[in-house]
Amino acid sequence: MMLTALLAACAPAPEVRPVQVETPTFGASPINARYLDRTTVELGPVTTPGIWVTSREVVTAQQGWIEDQETGRATRALLLPRMRDSEVDLISVDAVRALGVTVPRLVVVTLYKDVRTLPAE
Protein backbone atom coordinates (compact mmCIF):
# COMPACT_ATOMS: atom_id res chain seq x y z
CA MET A 1 0.00 0.00 0.00
CA MET A 2 2.70 2.46 0.97
CA LEU A 3 4.77 1.53 -2.08
CA THR A 4 1.80 2.20 -4.39
CA ALA A 5 1.29 5.67 -2.84
CA LEU A 6 5.01 6.43 -3.18
CA LEU A 7 5.03 5.34 -6.85
CA ALA A 8 1.94 7.48 -7.55
CA ALA A 9 3.68 10.50 -6.03
CA CYS A 10 6.69 9.91 -8.28
CA ALA A 11 4.67 9.81 -11.50
CA PRO A 12 6.33 11.50 -14.46
CA ALA A 13 5.71 15.22 -14.82
CA PRO A 14 3.37 16.33 -17.58
CA GLU A 15 4.99 17.18 -20.90
CA VAL A 16 6.33 20.73 -21.00
CA ARG A 17 5.96 22.47 -24.34
CA PRO A 18 8.22 25.37 -25.30
CA VAL A 19 6.59 28.78 -25.33
CA GLN A 20 7.50 31.27 -28.03
CA VAL A 21 8.49 34.57 -26.44
CA GLU A 22 8.40 37.78 -28.44
CA THR A 23 11.78 39.49 -28.66
CA PRO A 24 11.53 42.77 -26.77
CA THR A 25 12.04 46.04 -28.61
CA PHE A 26 14.33 48.13 -26.47
CA GLY A 27 14.04 51.86 -26.17
CA ALA A 28 16.68 54.49 -26.49
CA SER A 29 20.04 53.86 -24.89
CA PRO A 30 20.90 56.25 -22.04
CA ILE A 31 24.42 56.41 -23.45
CA ASN A 32 23.50 57.90 -26.82
CA ALA A 33 20.03 59.37 -26.28
CA ARG A 34 18.69 62.41 -24.51
CA TYR A 35 15.10 63.07 -23.47
CA LEU A 36 13.45 65.64 -25.70
CA ASP A 37 9.68 65.63 -25.20
CA ARG A 38 6.59 63.66 -24.21
CA THR A 39 3.63 64.38 -26.44
CA THR A 40 0.27 63.16 -27.65
CA VAL A 41 0.41 62.62 -31.41
CA GLU A 42 -2.16 62.43 -34.17
CA LEU A 43 -1.84 60.44 -37.35
CA GLY A 44 0.00 62.41 -40.03
CA PRO A 45 -0.52 62.36 -43.80
CA VAL A 46 -0.53 58.82 -45.15
CA THR A 47 1.19 60.08 -48.31
CA THR A 48 4.43 60.76 -46.39
CA PRO A 49 6.24 57.42 -45.98
CA GLY A 50 8.84 56.48 -43.37
CA ILE A 51 9.08 56.38 -39.61
CA TRP A 52 8.86 59.96 -38.39
CA VAL A 53 7.21 62.19 -35.81
CA THR A 54 6.84 65.97 -35.57
CA SER A 55 7.22 67.89 -32.33
CA ARG A 56 7.24 71.49 -31.16
CA GLU A 57 10.52 70.73 -29.33
CA VAL A 58 12.41 69.71 -32.47
CA VAL A 59 14.18 72.61 -34.22
CA THR A 60 15.93 70.73 -37.03
CA ALA A 61 15.43 67.24 -38.44
CA GLN A 62 17.43 64.65 -36.50
CA GLN A 63 17.59 60.95 -35.77
CA GLY A 64 16.18 59.65 -32.53
CA TRP A 65 13.78 57.23 -30.87
CA ILE A 66 10.13 57.27 -30.00
CA GLU A 67 8.60 55.18 -27.24
CA ASP A 68 4.91 54.37 -26.82
CA GLN A 69 3.96 55.21 -23.23
CA GLU A 70 1.23 52.56 -23.08
CA THR A 71 3.25 49.56 -24.23
CA GLY A 72 6.86 50.62 -23.73
CA ARG A 73 7.72 49.62 -27.30
CA ALA A 74 10.22 51.85 -29.03
CA THR A 75 11.66 52.37 -32.49
CA ARG A 76 14.19 54.60 -34.22
CA ALA A 77 12.56 57.52 -35.98
CA LEU A 78 13.26 60.74 -37.79
CA LEU A 79 12.33 63.63 -35.51
CA LEU A 80 10.98 66.62 -37.45
CA PRO A 81 9.97 70.14 -36.48
CA ARG A 82 6.23 70.70 -36.28
CA MET A 83 4.74 72.03 -39.52
CA ARG A 84 4.00 75.76 -39.35
CA ASP A 85 0.27 75.41 -39.97
CA SER A 86 -0.12 72.51 -37.51
CA GLU A 87 -1.16 72.93 -33.89
CA VAL A 88 -0.58 69.27 -33.01
CA ASP A 89 2.32 66.85 -33.18
CA LEU A 90 2.03 64.22 -35.89
CA ILE A 91 3.21 60.62 -36.31
CA SER A 92 3.54 58.60 -39.50
CA VAL A 93 1.55 55.47 -40.24
CA ASP A 94 4.81 53.50 -40.46
CA ALA A 95 5.85 54.74 -37.00
CA VAL A 96 2.50 53.69 -35.53
CA ARG A 97 2.98 50.22 -37.03
CA ALA A 98 6.58 50.03 -35.75
CA LEU A 99 5.31 50.78 -32.24
CA GLY A 100 2.87 47.90 -32.55
CA VAL A 101 -0.28 50.01 -32.24
CA THR A 102 -3.01 47.86 -33.77
CA VAL A 103 -6.19 49.43 -32.43
CA PRO A 104 -7.37 53.02 -32.71
CA ARG A 105 -6.37 54.85 -29.54
CA LEU A 106 -4.70 57.98 -28.26
CA VAL A 107 -0.94 57.57 -28.72
CA VAL A 108 1.40 59.26 -26.27
CA VAL A 109 5.09 59.00 -27.14
CA THR A 110 8.34 60.02 -25.52
CA LEU A 111 10.93 61.42 -27.92
CA TYR A 112 14.66 60.98 -27.49
CA LYS A 113 17.28 62.59 -29.71
CA ASP A 114 20.32 60.60 -30.81
CA VAL A 115 23.36 62.50 -29.53
CA ARG A 116 25.65 60.54 -31.84
CA THR A 117 24.28 62.60 -34.74
CA LEU A 118 25.06 65.93 -33.07
CA PRO A 119 28.18 67.86 -34.13
CA ALA A 120 31.20 67.56 -31.82
CA GLU A 121 31.68 70.48 -29.47
C-alpha atoms as a PDB file:
ATOM      1  CA  MET A   1       0.000   0.000   0.000  1.00  0.00           C
ATOM      2  CA  MET A   2       2.700   2.459   0.966  1.00  0.00           C
ATOM      3  CA  LEU A   3       4.768   1.526  -2.080  1.00  0.00           C
ATOM      4  CA  THR A   4       1.797   2.201  -4.385  1.00  0.00           C
ATOM      5  CA  ALA A   5       1.291   5.669  -2.841  1.00  0.00           C
ATOM      6  CA  LEU A   6       5.005   6.425  -3.185  1.00  0.00           C
ATOM      7  CA  LEU A   7       5.031   5.343  -6.854  1.00  0.00           C
ATOM      8  CA  ALA A   8       1.937   7.475  -7.551  1.00  0.00           C
ATOM      9  CA  ALA A   9       3.677  10.498  -6.029  1.00  0.00           C
ATOM     10  CA  CYS A  10       6.690   9.912  -8.277  1.00  0.00           C
ATOM     11  CA  ALA A  11       4.669   9.814 -11.496  1.00  0.00           C
ATOM     12  CA  PRO A  12       6.331  11.499 -14.456  1.00  0.00           C
ATOM     13  CA  ALA A  13       5.715  15.221 -14.822  1.00  0.00           C
ATOM     14  CA  PRO A  14       3.367  16.331 -17.578  1.00  0.00           C
ATOM     15  CA  GLU A  15       4.990  17.176 -20.901  1.00  0.00           C
ATOM     16  CA  VAL A  16       6.331  20.731 -21.004  1.00  0.00           C
ATOM     17  CA  ARG A  17       5.957  22.474 -24.337  1.00  0.00           C
ATOM     18  CA  PRO A  18       8.216  25.374 -25.302  1.00  0.00           C
ATOM     19  CA  VAL A  19       6.591  28.778 -25.328  1.00  0.00           C
ATOM     20  CA  GLN A  20       7.504  31.265 -28.029  1.00  0.00           C
ATOM     21  CA  VAL A  21       8.488  34.565 -26.436  1.00  0.00           C
ATOM     22  CA  GLU A  22       8.404  37.781 -28.441  1.00  0.00           C
ATOM     23  CA  THR A  23      11.778  39.485 -28.658  1.00  0.00           C
ATOM     24  CA  PRO A  24      11.528  42.773 -26.773  1.00  0.00           C
ATOM     25  CA  THR A  25      12.036  46.036 -28.606  1.00  0.00           C
ATOM     26  CA  PHE A  26      14.335  48.132 -26.473  1.00  0.00           C
ATOM     27  CA  GLY A  27      14.038  51.861 -26.170  1.00  0.00           C
ATOM     28  CA  ALA A  28      16.685  54.493 -26.492  1.00  0.00           C
ATOM     29  CA  SER A  29      20.037  53.859 -24.889  1.00  0.00           C
ATOM     30  CA  PRO A  30      20.897  56.249 -22.037  1.00  0.00           C
ATOM     31  CA  ILE A  31      24.418  56.408 -23.453  1.00  0.00           C
ATOM     32  CA  ASN A  32      23.499  57.896 -26.819  1.00  0.00           C
ATOM     33  CA  ALA A  33      20.029  59.371 -26.283  1.00  0.00           C
ATOM     34  CA  ARG A  34      18.687  62.412 -24.506  1.00  0.00           C
ATOM     35  CA  TYR A  35      15.097  63.069 -23.475  1.00  0.00           C
ATOM     36  CA  LEU A  36      13.451  65.637 -25.695  1.00  0.00           C
ATOM     37  CA  ASP A  37       9.682  65.626 -25.196  1.00  0.00           C
ATOM     38  CA  ARG A  38       6.588  63.658 -24.208  1.00  0.00           C
ATOM     39  CA  THR A  39       3.630  64.381 -26.442  1.00  0.00           C
ATOM     40  CA  THR A  40       0.270  63.163 -27.651  1.00  0.00           C
ATOM     41  CA  VAL A  41       0.407  62.617 -31.406  1.00  0.00           C
ATOM     42  CA  GLU A  42      -2.156  62.434 -34.167  1.00  0.00           C
ATOM     43  CA  LEU A  43      -1.839  60.440 -37.353  1.00  0.00           C
ATOM     44  CA  GLY A  44       0.001  62.406 -40.027  1.00  0.00           C
ATOM     45  CA  PRO A  45      -0.519  62.358 -43.797  1.00  0.00           C
ATOM     46  CA  VAL A  46      -0.531  58.816 -45.153  1.00  0.00           C
ATOM     47  CA  THR A  47       1.186  60.075 -48.311  1.00  0.00           C
ATOM     48  CA  THR A  48       4.427  60.757 -46.394  1.00  0.00           C
ATOM     49  CA  PRO A  49       6.244  57.420 -45.982  1.00  0.00           C
ATOM     50  CA  GLY A  50       8.839  56.480 -43.372  1.00  0.00           C
ATOM     51  CA  ILE A  51       9.081  56.379 -39.610  1.00  0.00           C
ATOM     52  CA  TRP A  52       8.859  59.960 -38.390  1.00  0.00           C
ATOM     53  CA  VAL A  53       7.212  62.186 -35.808  1.00  0.00           C
ATOM     54  CA  THR A  54       6.841  65.966 -35.569  1.00  0.00           C
ATOM     55  CA  SER A  55       7.218  67.890 -32.326  1.00  0.00           C
ATOM     56  CA  ARG A  56       7.244  71.492 -31.155  1.00  0.00           C
ATOM     57  CA  GLU A  57      10.519  70.731 -29.326  1.00  0.00           C
ATOM     58  CA  VAL A  58      12.411  69.709 -32.473  1.00  0.00           C
ATOM     59  CA  VAL A  59      14.184  72.607 -34.218  1.00  0.00           C
ATOM     60  CA  THR A  60      15.934  70.726 -37.034  1.00  0.00           C
ATOM     61  CA  ALA A  61      15.426  67.238 -38.441  1.00  0.00           C
ATOM     62  CA  GLN A  62      17.430  64.655 -36.500  1.00  0.00           C
ATOM     63  CA  GLN A  63      17.592  60.955 -35.769  1.00  0.00           C
ATOM     64  CA  GLY A  64      16.175  59.654 -32.533  1.00  0.00           C
ATOM     65  CA  TRP A  65      13.776  57.230 -30.871  1.00  0.00           C
ATOM     66  CA  ILE A  66      10.127  57.274 -29.999  1.00  0.00           C
ATOM     67  CA  GLU A  67       8.602  55.177 -27.235  1.00  0.00           C
ATOM     68  CA  ASP A  68       4.913  54.368 -26.816  1.00  0.00           C
ATOM     69  CA  GLN A  69       3.959  55.210 -23.232  1.00  0.00           C
ATOM     70  CA  GLU A  70       1.233  52.561 -23.078  1.00  0.00           C
ATOM     71  CA  THR A  71       3.250  49.555 -24.227  1.00  0.00           C
ATOM     72  CA  GLY A  72       6.862  50.624 -23.734  1.00  0.00           C
ATOM     73  CA  ARG A  73       7.723  49.617 -27.297  1.00  0.00           C
ATOM     74  CA  ALA A  74      10.219  51.851 -29.031  1.00  0.00           C
ATOM     75  CA  THR A  75      11.657  52.373 -32.489  1.00  0.00           C
ATOM     76  CA  ARG A  76      14.188  54.601 -34.218  1.00  0.00           C
ATOM     77  CA  ALA A  77      12.559  57.519 -35.977  1.00  0.00           C
ATOM     78  CA  LEU A  78      13.264  60.738 -37.789  1.00  0.00           C
ATOM     79  CA  LEU A  79      12.330  63.633 -35.507  1.00  0.00           C
ATOM     80  CA  LEU A  80      10.984  66.615 -37.452  1.00  0.00           C
ATOM     81  CA  PRO A  81       9.967  70.142 -36.482  1.00  0.00           C
ATOM     82  CA  ARG A  82       6.233  70.696 -36.284  1.00  0.00           C
ATOM     83  CA  MET A  83       4.744  72.029 -39.518  1.00  0.00           C
ATOM     84  CA  ARG A  84       3.999  75.757 -39.352  1.00  0.00           C
ATOM     85  CA  ASP A  85       0.274  75.405 -39.967  1.00  0.00           C
ATOM     86  CA  SER A  86      -0.119  72.510 -37.512  1.00  0.00           C
ATOM     87  CA  GLU A  87      -1.162  72.934 -33.895  1.00  0.00           C
ATOM     88  CA  VAL A  88      -0.584  69.273 -33.014  1.00  0.00           C
ATOM     89  CA  ASP A  89       2.320  66.849 -33.176  1.00  0.00           C
ATOM     90  CA  LEU A  90       2.030  64.215 -35.894  1.00  0.00           C
ATOM     91  CA  ILE A  91       3.208  60.620 -36.310  1.00  0.00           C
ATOM     92  CA  SER A  92       3.542  58.595 -39.499  1.00  0.00           C
ATOM     93  CA  VAL A  93       1.551  55.466 -40.245  1.00  0.00           C
ATOM     94  CA  ASP A  94       4.809  53.497 -40.464  1.00  0.00           C
ATOM     95  CA  ALA A  95       5.845  54.742 -37.001  1.00  0.00           C
ATOM     96  CA  VAL A  96       2.499  53.687 -35.526  1.00  0.00           C
ATOM     97  CA  ARG A  97       2.979  50.222 -37.025  1.00  0.00           C
ATOM     98  CA  ALA A  98       6.579  50.033 -35.750  1.00  0.00           C
ATOM     99  CA  LEU A  99       5.315  50.781 -32.240  1.00  0.00           C
ATOM    100  CA  GLY A 100       2.867  47.895 -32.555  1.00  0.00           C
ATOM    101  CA  VAL A 101      -0.280  50.006 -32.237  1.00  0.00           C
ATOM    102  CA  THR A 102      -3.014  47.864 -33.768  1.00  0.00           C
ATOM    103  CA  VAL A 103      -6.195  49.430 -32.434  1.00  0.00           C
ATOM    104  CA  PRO A 104      -7.374  53.024 -32.707  1.00  0.00           C
ATOM    105  CA  ARG A 105      -6.369  54.850 -29.537  1.00  0.00           C
ATOM    106  CA  LEU A 106      -4.705  57.981 -28.259  1.00  0.00           C
ATOM    107  CA  VAL A 107      -0.943  57.566 -28.723  1.00  0.00           C
ATOM    108  CA  VAL A 108       1.396  59.264 -26.268  1.00  0.00           C
ATOM    109  CA  VAL A 109       5.086  59.001 -27.142  1.00  0.00           C
ATOM    110  CA  THR A 110       8.335  60.024 -25.524  1.00  0.00           C
ATOM    111  CA  LEU A 111      10.931  61.419 -27.919  1.00  0.00           C
ATOM    112  CA  TYR A 112      14.664  60.981 -27.491  1.00  0.00           C
ATOM    113  CA  LYS A 113      17.282  62.587 -29.709  1.00  0.00           C
ATOM    114  CA  ASP A 114      20.323  60.603 -30.807  1.00  0.00           C
ATOM    115  CA  VAL A 115      23.357  62.503 -29.527  1.00  0.00           C
ATOM    116  CA  ARG A 116      25.649  60.536 -31.841  1.00  0.00           C
ATOM    117  CA  THR A 117      24.280  62.596 -34.745  1.00  0.00           C
ATOM    118  CA  LEU A 118      25.058  65.931 -33.069  1.00  0.00           C
ATOM    119  CA  PRO A 119      28.182  67.860 -34.130  1.00  0.00           C
ATOM    120  CA  ALA A 120      31.201  67.563 -31.821  1.00  0.00           C
ATOM    121  CA  GLU A 121      31.684  70.484 -29.469  1.00  0.00           C
END
